[in-house]
Amino acid sequence: MRIGIIGAGMAGLSCAQTLRHQGHNVIVFDKGRGPGGRMSTRRIDTPLGEAAFDHGAQYLTARDPAFVAQVERWAQDGHVARWSPAGPGAWVGTPAMNAPIRSMASGGDVRWNTAIQTMTYDGKWRIRNERFDAAIVAVPAEQVAPLVTAHDVALADAARSAVSDPCWTVMAAFDGTVPIDRDRLTDLGIIGSAVRNSAKPARTGPEAWVLQASADWSRAHLEDDPKMVQRALLAAFADHIGTGSPAVIATSVHRWRYAKVDASNHGAIWNADIRLGACGDWLLGPRIEAAWLSGQHLAEFVGSTNRAVSKQHL
């Protein structure tokens, strides 16, 4: 089949890879400028050189045997490395968190800078004036319903029932080492997580920290001015550091409206009658592993449908 996938995050690319292995012709559309999504890395010029920040997911873990095997392959290819500050089972992308996504995207047809607002169905799916035998949505739950309501009410309702926590993130580069003896801290008042990004494996550049606000604080201040958010998180971090803090030499702020989802246990959803599917962490769990597994589950559903159709034709 010719299959169109909307969303080039971990779930969409996981599904795309397996579908291609099954022999399908797959095209992936994504509104972003390049690989990353919630595994993105932002780079900022500073007086001390370029600073890098993994401003979305900070690390990943692997429990399911299939994902463990996938992570081991990434490690062999140099795309991930272990990161002990988050625990013995934690991994980070190298040289940036988006390295696994970049590797997955490189093997197929991915159309960047391509936002999809609607799709139509008349026996075939039409996405941006291209026709497909099947369509898959691999975007955050809040973005699923507007795309599929006209075609599958049950799928749209399932997406609406999934609620994501927001997260304000402040990235800060310093002109010296922040005097804290750990590279990852949690629950610092309004700061849910503080990570010394420059200490992760294969990182270069000046001292760089990623400060992520708690879900409650982010929700309460969701529409605040980014400069106010920056001042609040930097002040909270300075209070924790105490005296002797180095100077901030560069900053950036990012608001994740859909950061961590309260997931269902569907795994993935596939409507074989109209060949419409959905995958993503909102269908399995708020982890990178869950997003990858959801994409795998959906590819299996699609493959089963295709085999059944082939038998009928025989």
C-alpha atoms as a PDB file:
ATOM      1  CA  MET A   1       0.000   0.000   0.000  1.00  0.00           C
ATOM      2  CA  ARG A   2       0.897   3.663  -0.335  1.00  0.00           C
ATOM      3  CA  ILE A   3       0.660   5.033   3.208  1.00  0.00           C
ATOM      4  CA  GLY A   4       0.750   8.634   4.435  1.00  0.00           C
ATOM      5  CA  ILE A   5       1.858   9.305   8.019  1.00  0.00           C
ATOM      6  CA  ILE A   6       1.322  12.654   9.732  1.00  0.00           C
ATOM      7  CA  GLY A   7       3.988  13.187  12.387  1.00  0.00           C
ATOM      8  CA  ALA A   8       7.699  12.368  12.285  1.00  0.00           C
ATOM      9  CA  GLY A   9       8.247  11.817  15.985  1.00  0.00           C
ATOM     10  CA  MET A  10       9.286   8.554  17.604  1.00  0.00           C
ATOM     11  CA  ALA A  11       5.910   6.850  17.062  1.00  0.00           C
ATOM     12  CA  GLY A  12       5.453   7.919  13.448  1.00  0.00           C
ATOM     13  CA  LEU A  13       8.989   6.999  12.405  1.00  0.00           C
ATOM     14  CA  SER A  14       8.887   3.691  14.274  1.00  0.00           C
ATOM     15  CA  CYS A  15       5.714   2.793  12.411  1.00  0.00           C
ATOM     16  CA  ALA A  16       7.131   4.031   9.103  1.00  0.00           C
ATOM     17  CA  GLN A  17      10.287   1.934   9.404  1.00  0.00           C
ATOM     18  CA  THR A  18       8.395  -1.285  10.000  1.00  0.00           C
ATOM     19  CA  LEU A  19       5.836  -0.561   7.287  1.00  0.00           C
ATOM     20  CA  ARG A  20       8.669  -0.062   4.801  1.00  0.00           C
ATOM     21  CA  HIS A  21      10.155  -3.399   5.870  1.00  0.00           C
ATOM     22  CA  GLN A  22       6.743  -4.926   5.100  1.00  0.00           C
ATOM     23  CA  GLY A  23       7.053  -3.559   1.569  1.00  0.00           C
ATOM     24  CA  HIS A  24       4.783  -0.520   1.778  1.00  0.00           C
ATOM     25  CA  ASN A  25       5.521   2.840   0.148  1.00  0.00           C
ATOM     26  CA  VAL A  26       5.492   5.308   3.057  1.00  0.00           C
ATOM     27  CA  ILE A  27       5.621   9.111   3.066  1.00  0.00           C
ATOM     28  CA  VAL A  28       5.851  10.990   6.376  1.00  0.00           C
ATOM     29  CA  PHE A  29       4.763  14.619   6.827  1.00  0.00           C
ATOM     30  CA  ASP A  30       5.899  16.833   9.704  1.00  0.00           C
ATOM     31  CA  LYS A  31       5.438  20.517  10.475  1.00  0.00           C
ATOM     32  CA  GLY A  32       8.883  20.774  12.087  1.00  0.00           C
ATOM     33  CA  ARG A  33      12.053  21.986  10.423  1.00  0.00           C
ATOM     34  CA  GLY A  34      13.874  18.743  11.135  1.00  0.00           C
ATOM     35  CA  PRO A  35      14.051  15.619  13.329  1.00  0.00           C
ATOM     36  CA  GLY A  36      13.280  15.918  17.008  1.00  0.00           C
ATOM     37  CA  GLY A  37       9.783  16.675  18.206  1.00  0.00           C
ATOM     38  CA  ARG A  38       9.792  16.200  21.955  1.00  0.00           C
ATOM     39  CA  MET A  39      13.333  14.808  21.609  1.00  0.00           C
ATOM     40  CA  SER A  40      14.570  18.069  20.130  1.00  0.00           C
ATOM     41  CA  THR A  41      17.887  19.798  20.778  1.00  0.00           C
ATOM     42  CA  ARG A  42      18.259  23.575  20.584  1.00  0.00           C
ATOM     43  CA  ARG A  43      21.590  25.248  19.870  1.00  0.00           C
ATOM     44  CA  ILE A  44      22.376  28.827  20.907  1.00  0.00           C
ATOM     45  CA  ASP A  45      25.407  30.974  20.147  1.00  0.00           C
ATOM     46  CA  THR A  46      27.136  32.375  23.244  1.00  0.00           C
ATOM     47  CA  PRO A  47      30.345  34.391  23.854  1.00  0.00           C
ATOM     48  CA  LEU A  48      31.961  31.073  24.868  1.00  0.00           C
ATOM     49  CA  GLY A  49      30.816  29.119  21.817  1.00  0.00           C
ATOM     50  CA  GLU A  50      27.696  27.235  20.883  1.00  0.00           C
ATOM     51  CA  ALA A  51      25.622  25.809  23.733  1.00  0.00           C
ATOM     52  CA  ALA A  52      23.301  22.824  23.198  1.00  0.00           C
ATOM     53  CA  PHE A  53      20.150  21.999  25.138  1.00  0.00           C
ATOM     54  CA  ASP A  54      17.997  18.866  25.046  1.00  0.00           C
ATOM     55  CA  HIS A  55      14.944  20.934  25.902  1.00  0.00           C
ATOM     56  CA  GLY A  56      12.317  18.176  25.615  1.00  0.00           C
ATOM     57  CA  ALA A  57      12.839  14.611  26.807  1.00  0.00           C
ATOM     58  CA  GLN A  58      15.968  14.388  28.951  1.00  0.00           C
ATOM     59  CA  TYR A  59      16.628  10.653  28.641  1.00  0.00           C
ATOM     60  CA  LEU A  60      15.005   7.350  27.716  1.00  0.00           C
ATOM     61  CA  THR A  61      14.710   3.935  29.317  1.00  0.00           C
ATOM     62  CA  ALA A  62      14.173   0.482  27.804  1.00  0.00           C
ATOM     63  CA  ARG A  63      12.184  -2.364  29.359  1.00  0.00           C
ATOM     64  CA  ASP A  64      10.365  -4.166  26.558  1.00  0.00           C
ATOM     65  CA  PRO A  65      12.682  -6.721  24.875  1.00  0.00           C
ATOM     66  CA  ALA A  66      12.009  -5.334  21.404  1.00  0.00           C
ATOM     67  CA  PHE A  67      12.881  -1.789  22.460  1.00  0.00           C
ATOM     68  CA  VAL A  68      15.897  -3.009  24.424  1.00  0.00           C
ATOM     69  CA  ALA A  69      17.175  -4.553  21.195  1.00  0.00           C
ATOM     70  CA  GLN A  70      16.495  -1.324  19.308  1.00  0.00           C
ATOM     71  CA  VAL A  71      18.385   0.762  21.891  1.00  0.00           C
ATOM     72  CA  GLU A  72      21.313  -1.644  21.711  1.00  0.00           C
ATOM     73  CA  ARG A  73      21.406  -1.169  17.928  1.00  0.00           C
ATOM     74  CA  TRP A  74      21.406   2.596  18.397  1.00  0.00           C
ATOM     75  CA  ALA A  75      24.244   2.237  20.897  1.00  0.00           C
ATOM     76  CA  GLN A  76      26.288   0.165  18.443  1.00  0.00           C
ATOM     77  CA  ASP A  77      25.778   2.870  15.818  1.00  0.00           C
ATOM     78  CA  GLY A  78      26.788   5.633  18.250  1.00  0.00           C
ATOM     79  CA  HIS A  79      23.322   7.207  18.488  1.00  0.00           C
ATOM     80  CA  VAL A  80      22.835   6.698  22.246  1.00  0.00           C
ATOM     81  CA  ALA A  81      24.952   6.290  25.370  1.00  0.00           C
ATOM     82  CA  ARG A  82      24.217   5.485  28.989  1.00  0.00           C
ATOM     83  CA  TRP A  83      23.642   8.381  31.385  1.00  0.00           C
ATOM     84  CA  SER A  84      23.901   7.402  35.063  1.00  0.00           C
ATOM     85  CA  PRO A  85      22.489  10.611  36.670  1.00  0.00           C
ATOM     86  CA  ALA A  86      19.002   9.431  35.638  1.00  0.00           C
ATOM     87  CA  GLY A  87      19.621   5.870  36.872  1.00  0.00           C
ATOM     88  CA  PRO A  88      21.416   2.717  35.685  1.00  0.00           C
ATOM     89  CA  GLY A  89      18.882   2.082  32.907  1.00  0.00           C
ATOM     90  CA  ALA A  90      18.898   5.577  31.423  1.00  0.00           C
ATOM     91  CA  TRP A  91      20.174   6.479  27.956  1.00  0.00           C
ATOM     92  CA  VAL A  92      20.607   9.755  26.084  1.00  0.00           C
ATOM     93  CA  GLY A  93      20.990  10.467  22.398  1.00  0.00           C
ATOM     94  CA  THR A  94      24.510  11.299  21.214  1.00  0.00           C
ATOM     95  CA  PRO A  95      25.720  13.831  20.321  1.00  0.00           C
ATOM     96  CA  ALA A  96      22.199  15.176  20.967  1.00  0.00           C
ATOM     97  CA  MET A  97      18.911  13.762  22.177  1.00  0.00           C
ATOM     98  CA  ASN A  98      17.454  13.785  18.669  1.00  0.00           C
ATOM     99  CA  ALA A  99      20.135  11.422  17.292  1.00  0.00           C
ATOM    100  CA  PRO A 100      17.870   8.320  17.219  1.00  0.00           C
ATOM    101  CA  ILE A 101      15.099  10.301  15.503  1.00  0.00           C
ATOM    102  CA  ARG A 102      17.557  11.708  12.975  1.00  0.00           C
ATOM    103  CA  SER A 103      18.798   8.200  12.193  1.00  0.00           C
ATOM    104  CA  MET A 104      15.249   6.862  11.746  1.00  0.00           C
ATOM    105  CA  ALA A 105      14.243   9.759   9.489  1.00  0.00           C
ATOM    106  CA  SER A 106      17.271   9.379   7.244  1.00  0.00           C
ATOM    107  CA  GLY A 107      16.066   6.052   5.865  1.00  0.00           C
ATOM    108  CA  GLY A 108      12.824   7.214   4.277  1.00  0.00           C
ATOM    109  CA  ASP A 109      10.782   9.910   2.586  1.00  0.00           C
ATOM    110  CA  VAL A 110      10.075  12.579   5.230  1.00  0.00           C
ATOM    111  CA  ARG A 111       8.605  15.945   4.198  1.00  0.00           C
ATOM    112  CA  TRP A 112       9.671  18.593   6.727  1.00  0.00           C
ATOM    113  CA  ASN A 113       8.076  22.042   7.107  1.00  0.00           C
ATOM    114  CA  THR A 114       4.779  20.493   6.024  1.00  0.00           C
ATOM    115  CA  ALA A 115       1.871  21.173   8.361  1.00  0.00           C
ATOM    116  CA  ILE A 116      -1.230  19.057   7.691  1.00  0.00           C
ATOM    117  CA  GLN A 117      -4.485  20.687   8.782  1.00  0.00           C
ATOM    118  CA  THR A 118      -6.999  18.413   7.022  1.00  0.00           C
ATOM    119  CA  MET A 119      -7.255  15.169   5.095  1.00  0.00           C
ATOM    120  CA  THR A 120     -10.120  13.771   3.038  1.00  0.00           C
ATOM    121  CA  TYR A 121     -11.367  10.284   2.220  1.00  0.00           C
ATOM    122  CA  ASP A 122     -13.256   9.019  -0.828  1.00  0.00           C
ATOM    123  CA  GLY A 123     -12.098   5.423  -0.811  1.00  0.00           C
ATOM    124  CA  LYS A 124      -8.553   6.780  -0.940  1.00  0.00           C
ATOM    125  CA  TRP A 125      -6.962   9.244   1.450  1.00  0.00           C
ATOM    126  CA  ARG A 126      -5.897  12.645   0.183  1.00  0.00           C
ATOM    127  CA  ILE A 127      -3.117  14.444   2.061  1.00  0.00           C
ATOM    128  CA  ARG A 128      -1.724  17.609   0.471  1.00  0.00           C
ATOM    129  CA  ASN A 129      -3.058  16.655  -2.964  1.00  0.00           C
ATOM    130  CA  GLU A 130      -1.458  13.213  -2.819  1.00  0.00           C
ATOM    131  CA  ARG A 131      -3.512  10.038  -2.674  1.00  0.00           C
ATOM    132  CA  PHE A 132      -2.866   7.162  -0.283  1.00  0.00           C
ATOM    133  CA  ASP A 133      -4.331   3.732   0.414  1.00  0.00           C
ATOM    134  CA  ALA A 134      -3.997   4.290   4.160  1.00  0.00           C
ATOM    135  CA  ALA A 135      -3.500   7.234   6.523  1.00  0.00           C
ATOM    136  CA  ILE A 136      -1.859   7.309   9.958  1.00  0.00           C
ATOM    137  CA  VAL A 137      -1.851  10.148  12.490  1.00  0.00           C
ATOM    138  CA  ALA A 138       1.153  10.134  14.833  1.00  0.00           C
ATOM    139  CA  VAL A 139       0.788  13.512  16.536  1.00  0.00           C
ATOM    140  CA  PRO A 140      -0.121  14.513  20.136  1.00  0.00           C
ATOM    141  CA  ALA A 141      -3.649  13.494  21.138  1.00  0.00           C
ATOM    142  CA  GLU A 142      -4.875  17.084  21.176  1.00  0.00           C
ATOM    143  CA  GLN A 143      -4.004  17.382  17.484  1.00  0.00           C
ATOM    144  CA  VAL A 144      -5.588  14.080  16.447  1.00  0.00           C
ATOM    145  CA  ALA A 145      -9.302  14.893  16.817  1.00  0.00           C
ATOM    146  CA  PRO A 146      -9.394  17.805  14.325  1.00  0.00           C
ATOM    147  CA  LEU A 147      -7.864  15.531  11.684  1.00  0.00           C
ATOM    148  CA  VAL A 148     -10.046  12.464  12.174  1.00  0.00           C
ATOM    149  CA  THR A 149     -13.443  13.565  13.561  1.00  0.00           C
ATOM    150  CA  ALA A 150     -15.074  13.579  10.125  1.00  0.00           C
ATOM    151  CA  HIS A 151     -13.851  10.033   9.463  1.00  0.00           C
ATOM    152  CA  ASP A 152     -13.790   8.108  12.767  1.00  0.00           C
ATOM    153  CA  VAL A 153     -15.733   9.475  15.749  1.00  0.00           C
ATOM    154  CA  ALA A 154     -14.510   6.730  18.103  1.00  0.00           C
ATOM    155  CA  LEU A 155     -10.879   7.532  17.334  1.00  0.00           C
ATOM    156  CA  ALA A 156     -11.533  11.242  17.828  1.00  0.00           C
ATOM    157  CA  ASP A 157     -13.222  10.563  21.188  1.00  0.00           C
ATOM    158  CA  ALA A 158     -10.301   8.411  22.323  1.00  0.00           C
ATOM    159  CA  ALA A 159      -7.903  11.233  21.481  1.00  0.00           C
ATOM    160  CA  ARG A 160     -10.020  13.815  23.320  1.00  0.00           C
ATOM    161  CA  SER A 161      -9.978  11.650  26.448  1.00  0.00           C
ATOM    162  CA  ALA A 162      -6.164  11.829  26.634  1.00  0.00           C
ATOM    163  CA  VAL A 163      -4.979  14.907  28.535  1.00  0.00           C
ATOM    164  CA  SER A 164      -1.394  16.167  28.434  1.00  0.00           C
ATOM    165  CA  ASP A 165       0.451  18.210  31.040  1.00  0.00           C
ATOM    166  CA  PRO A 166       2.220  21.325  29.734  1.00  0.00           C
ATOM    167  CA  CYS A 167       5.819  22.211  30.534  1.00  0.00           C
ATOM    168  CA  TRP A 168       7.641  25.531  30.472  1.00  0.00           C
ATOM    169  CA  THR A 169      11.355  25.033  29.767  1.00  0.00           C
ATOM    170  CA  VAL A 170      14.167  27.536  30.278  1.00  0.00           C
ATOM    171  CA  MET A 171      17.592  26.938  28.742  1.00  0.00           C
ATOM    172  CA  ALA A 172      20.533  28.791  30.313  1.00  0.00           C
ATOM    173  CA  ALA A 173      24.247  28.884  29.487  1.00  0.00           C
ATOM    174  CA  PHE A 174      26.726  30.078  32.129  1.00  0.00           C
ATOM    175  CA  ASP A 175      30.246  31.494  32.018  1.00  0.00           C
ATOM    176  CA  GLY A 176      31.488  28.894  34.474  1.00  0.00           C
ATOM    177  CA  THR A 177      30.591  25.703  36.292  1.00  0.00           C
ATOM    178  CA  VAL A 178      27.453  25.875  38.402  1.00  0.00           C
ATOM    179  CA  PRO A 179      28.559  24.792  41.925  1.00  0.00           C
ATOM    180  CA  ILE A 180      26.274  21.782  42.276  1.00  0.00           C
ATOM    181  CA  ASP A 181      27.714  18.298  42.686  1.00  0.00           C
ATOM    182  CA  ARG A 182      24.961  16.554  40.712  1.00  0.00           C
ATOM    183  CA  ASP A 183      24.060  16.771  37.026  1.00  0.00           C
ATOM    184  CA  ARG A 184      20.339  16.131  37.512  1.00  0.00           C
ATOM    185  CA  LEU A 185      18.042  17.454  40.208  1.00  0.00           C
ATOM    186  CA  THR A 186      14.282  17.116  40.669  1.00  0.00           C
ATOM    187  CA  ASP A 187      11.549  18.813  42.691  1.00  0.00           C
ATOM    188  CA  LEU A 188      13.187  22.184  43.293  1.00  0.00           C
ATOM    189  CA  GLY A 189       9.989  24.023  44.125  1.00  0.00           C
ATOM    190  CA  ILE A 190       8.516  25.333  40.880  1.00  0.00           C
ATOM    191  CA  ILE A 191      11.285  23.526  38.964  1.00  0.00           C
ATOM    192  CA  GLY A 192      10.380  19.902  38.334  1.00  0.00           C
ATOM    193  CA  SER A 193      13.705  19.010  36.711  1.00  0.00           C
ATOM    194  CA  ALA A 194      17.104  20.684  36.335  1.00  0.00           C
ATOM    195  CA  VAL A 195      19.721  19.010  34.144  1.00  0.00           C
ATOM    196  CA  ARG A 196      23.333  19.943  33.395  1.00  0.00           C
ATOM    197  CA  ASN A 197      23.052  19.248  29.680  1.00  0.00           C
ATOM    198  CA  SER A 198      26.719  19.983  28.985  1.00  0.00           C
ATOM    199  CA  ALA A 199      27.694  17.015  31.199  1.00  0.00           C
ATOM    200  CA  LYS A 200      25.868  14.463  29.084  1.00  0.00           C
ATOM    201  CA  PRO A 201      27.999  12.122  26.909  1.00  0.00           C
ATOM    202  CA  ALA A 202      29.471  13.597  23.699  1.00  0.00           C
ATOM    203  CA  ARG A 203      28.401  17.166  24.539  1.00  0.00           C
ATOM    204  CA  THR A 204      30.615  20.171  23.916  1.00  0.00           C
ATOM    205  CA  GLY A 205      30.360  23.884  24.605  1.00  0.00           C
ATOM    206  CA  PRO A 206      29.887  25.991  27.745  1.00  0.00           C
ATOM    207  CA  GLU A 207      28.032  25.076  30.929  1.00  0.00           C
ATOM    208  CA  ALA A 208      24.417  24.528  29.879  1.00  0.00           C
ATOM    209  CA  TRP A 209      21.373  23.784  32.036  1.00  0.00           C
ATOM    210  CA  VAL A 210      17.799  22.828  31.121  1.00  0.00           C
ATOM    211  CA  LEU A 211      15.236  23.928  33.713  1.00  0.00           C
ATOM    212  CA  GLN A 212      11.764  22.436  33.332  1.00  0.00           C
ATOM    213  CA  ALA A 213       8.914  23.771  35.447  1.00  0.00           C
ATOM    214  CA  SER A 214       6.582  21.436  37.301  1.00  0.00           C
ATOM    215  CA  ALA A 215       3.351  20.458  35.560  1.00  0.00           C
ATOM    216  CA  ASP A 216       1.229  22.339  38.109  1.00  0.00           C
ATOM    217  CA  TRP A 217       3.239  25.548  37.750  1.00  0.00           C
ATOM    218  CA  SER A 218       3.317  25.269  33.953  1.00  0.00           C
ATOM    219  CA  ARG A 219      -0.439  24.821  33.849  1.00  0.00           C
ATOM    220  CA  ALA A 220      -1.055  27.788  36.137  1.00  0.00           C
ATOM    221  CA  HIS A 221       1.267  30.012  34.073  1.00  0.00           C
ATOM    222  CA  LEU A 222       0.613  28.543  30.624  1.00  0.00           C
ATOM    223  CA  GLU A 223      -0.196  31.866  28.949  1.00  0.00           C
ATOM    224  CA  ASP A 224       2.364  33.975  30.818  1.00  0.00           C
ATOM    225  CA  ASP A 225       4.926  36.048  28.979  1.00  0.00           C
ATOM    226  CA  PRO A 226       8.049  33.952  28.260  1.00  0.00           C
ATOM    227  CA  LYS A 227      10.309  36.614  29.815  1.00  0.00           C
ATOM    228  CA  MET A 228       8.387  36.355  33.081  1.00  0.00           C
ATOM    229  CA  VAL A 229       8.682  32.571  32.992  1.00  0.00           C
ATOM    230  CA  GLN A 230      12.418  32.867  32.400  1.00  0.00           C
ATOM    231  CA  ARG A 231      12.883  35.229  35.343  1.00  0.00           C
ATOM    232  CA  ALA A 232      10.865  32.973  37.647  1.00  0.00           C
ATOM    233  CA  LEU A 233      12.733  29.754  36.819  1.00  0.00           C
ATOM    234  CA  LEU A 234      16.179  31.366  36.847  1.00  0.00           C
ATOM    235  CA  ALA A 235      15.400  32.976  40.211  1.00  0.00           C
ATOM    236  CA  ALA A 236      14.274  29.633  41.639  1.00  0.00           C
ATOM    237  CA  PHE A 237      17.449  27.999  40.338  1.00  0.00           C
ATOM    238  CA  ALA A 238      19.635  30.794  41.755  1.00  0.00           C
ATOM    239  CA  ASP A 239      17.985  30.353  45.161  1.00  0.00           C
ATOM    240  CA  HIS A 240      18.979  26.686  45.091  1.00  0.00           C
ATOM    241  CA  ILE A 241      22.547  27.384  43.943  1.00  0.00           C
ATOM    242  CA  GLY A 242      23.156  30.054  46.589  1.00  0.00           C
ATOM    243  CA  THR A 243      26.166  32.340  46.491  1.00  0.00           C
ATOM    244  CA  GLY A 244      28.961  31.979  43.969  1.00  0.00           C
ATOM    245  CA  SER A 245      26.774  31.334  40.950  1.00  0.00           C
ATOM    246  CA  PRO A 246      28.406  32.018  37.558  1.00  0.00           C
ATOM    247  CA  ALA A 247      26.867  34.584  35.232  1.00  0.00           C
ATOM    248  CA  VAL A 248      24.189  33.673  32.710  1.00  0.00           C
ATOM    249  CA  ILE A 249      25.489  34.374  29.186  1.00  0.00           C
ATOM    250  CA  ALA A 250      22.599  33.112  27.009  1.00  0.00           C
ATOM    251  CA  THR A 251      19.021  31.951  27.477  1.00  0.00           C
ATOM    252  CA  SER A 252      16.041  30.624  25.583  1.00  0.00           C
ATOM    253  CA  VAL A 253      12.505  29.671  26.573  1.00  0.00           C
ATOM    254  CA  HIS A 254      10.172  27.027  25.164  1.00  0.00           C
ATOM    255  CA  ARG A 255       6.588  26.143  26.054  1.00  0.00           C
ATOM    256  CA  TRP A 256       5.557  22.538  25.548  1.00  0.00           C
ATOM    257  CA  ARG A 257       1.767  22.547  25.489  1.00  0.00           C
ATOM    258  CA  TYR A 258       1.677  18.751  25.278  1.00  0.00           C
ATOM    259  CA  ALA A 259       4.598  17.429  27.297  1.00  0.00           C
ATOM    260  CA  LYS A 260       3.509  14.423  29.350  1.00  0.00           C
ATOM    261  CA  VAL A 261       0.284  12.585  28.580  1.00  0.00           C
ATOM    262  CA  ASP A 262      -2.143  10.648  30.752  1.00  0.00           C
ATOM    263  CA  ALA A 263      -2.170   7.651  28.421  1.00  0.00           C
ATOM    264  CA  SER A 264      -4.742   4.982  27.625  1.00  0.00           C
ATOM    265  CA  ASN A 265      -3.896   1.319  27.134  1.00  0.00           C
ATOM    266  CA  HIS A 266      -4.933   0.992  23.506  1.00  0.00           C
ATOM    267  CA  GLY A 267      -1.362   0.555  22.274  1.00  0.00           C
ATOM    268  CA  ALA A 268      -2.459   1.786  18.850  1.00  0.00           C
ATOM    269  CA  ILE A 269      -5.748   2.203  16.977  1.00  0.00           C
ATOM    270  CA  TRP A 270      -6.442   0.859  13.486  1.00  0.00           C
ATOM    271  CA  ASN A 271      -9.706   1.171  11.565  1.00  0.00           C
ATOM    272  CA  ALA A 272      -9.304  -1.507   8.905  1.00  0.00           C
ATOM    273  CA  ASP A 273     -12.530  -0.527   7.122  1.00  0.00           C
ATOM    274  CA  ILE A 274     -11.177   2.830   5.976  1.00  0.00           C
ATOM    275  CA  ARG A 275      -7.492   2.118   6.660  1.00  0.00           C
ATOM    276  CA  LEU A 276      -7.022   4.898   9.203  1.00  0.00           C
ATOM    277  CA  GLY A 277      -4.718   4.509  12.185  1.00  0.00           C
ATOM    278  CA  ALA A 278      -3.228   6.363  15.118  1.00  0.00           C
ATOM    279  CA  CYS A 279      -0.126   5.781  17.202  1.00  0.00           C
ATOM    280  CA  GLY A 280       1.722   7.726  19.872  1.00  0.00           C
ATOM    281  CA  ASP A 281       2.617   7.803  23.543  1.00  0.00           C
ATOM    282  CA  TRP A 282      -0.948   8.922  24.364  1.00  0.00           C
ATOM    283  CA  LEU A 283      -2.058   5.393  23.446  1.00  0.00           C
ATOM    284  CA  LEU A 284       0.393   3.520  25.667  1.00  0.00           C
ATOM    285  CA  GLY A 285       2.408   5.581  28.158  1.00  0.00           C
ATOM    286  CA  PRO A 286       4.343   8.839  28.680  1.00  0.00           C
ATOM    287  CA  ARG A 287       7.735   7.468  27.668  1.00  0.00           C
ATOM    288  CA  ILE A 288       9.866   7.400  24.534  1.00  0.00           C
ATOM    289  CA  GLU A 289       9.751   3.611  24.684  1.00  0.00           C
ATOM    290  CA  ALA A 290       5.937   3.678  24.674  1.00  0.00           C
ATOM    291  CA  ALA A 291       5.873   5.901  21.588  1.00  0.00           C
ATOM    292  CA  TRP A 292       8.206   3.502  19.735  1.00  0.00           C
ATOM    293  CA  LEU A 293       6.149   0.481  20.777  1.00  0.00           C
ATOM    294  CA  SER A 294       2.892   2.158  19.745  1.00  0.00           C
ATOM    295  CA  GLY A 295       4.312   2.659  16.254  1.00  0.00           C
ATOM    296  CA  GLN A 296       5.302  -0.998  16.157  1.00  0.00           C
ATOM    297  CA  HIS A 297       1.853  -2.129  17.278  1.00  0.00           C
ATOM    298  CA  LEU A 298       0.163  -0.107  14.566  1.00  0.00           C
ATOM    299  CA  ALA A 299       2.487  -1.457  11.872  1.00  0.00           C
ATOM    300  CA  GLU A 300       1.559  -4.979  13.008  1.00  0.00           C
ATOM    301  CA  PHE A 301      -2.156  -4.132  12.739  1.00  0.00           C
ATOM    302  CA  VAL A 302      -1.641  -2.754   9.229  1.00  0.00           C
ATOM    303  CA  GLY A 303       0.365  -5.819   8.235  1.00  0.00           C
ATOM    304  CA  SER A 304      -2.331  -8.164   9.526  1.00  0.00           C
ATOM    305  CA  THR A 305      -4.981  -6.306   7.533  1.00  0.00           C
ATOM    306  CA  ASN A 306      -2.881  -6.442   4.390  1.00  0.00           C
ATOM    307  CA  ARG A 307      -2.316 -10.181   4.743  1.00  0.00           C
ATOM    308  CA  ALA A 308      -6.054 -10.753   5.226  1.00  0.00           C
ATOM    309  CA  VAL A 309      -6.836  -8.719   2.093  1.00  0.00           C
ATOM    310  CA  SER A 310      -4.243 -10.662   0.115  1.00  0.00           C
ATOM    311  CA  LYS A 311      -5.801 -13.964   1.188  1.00  0.00           C
ATOM    312  CA  GLN A 312      -9.213 -12.745   0.103  1.00  0.00           C
ATOM    313  CA  HIS A 313      -7.832 -11.809  -3.296  1.00  0.00           C
ATOM    314  CA  LEU A 314      -6.276 -15.268  -3.630  1.00  0.00           C
END
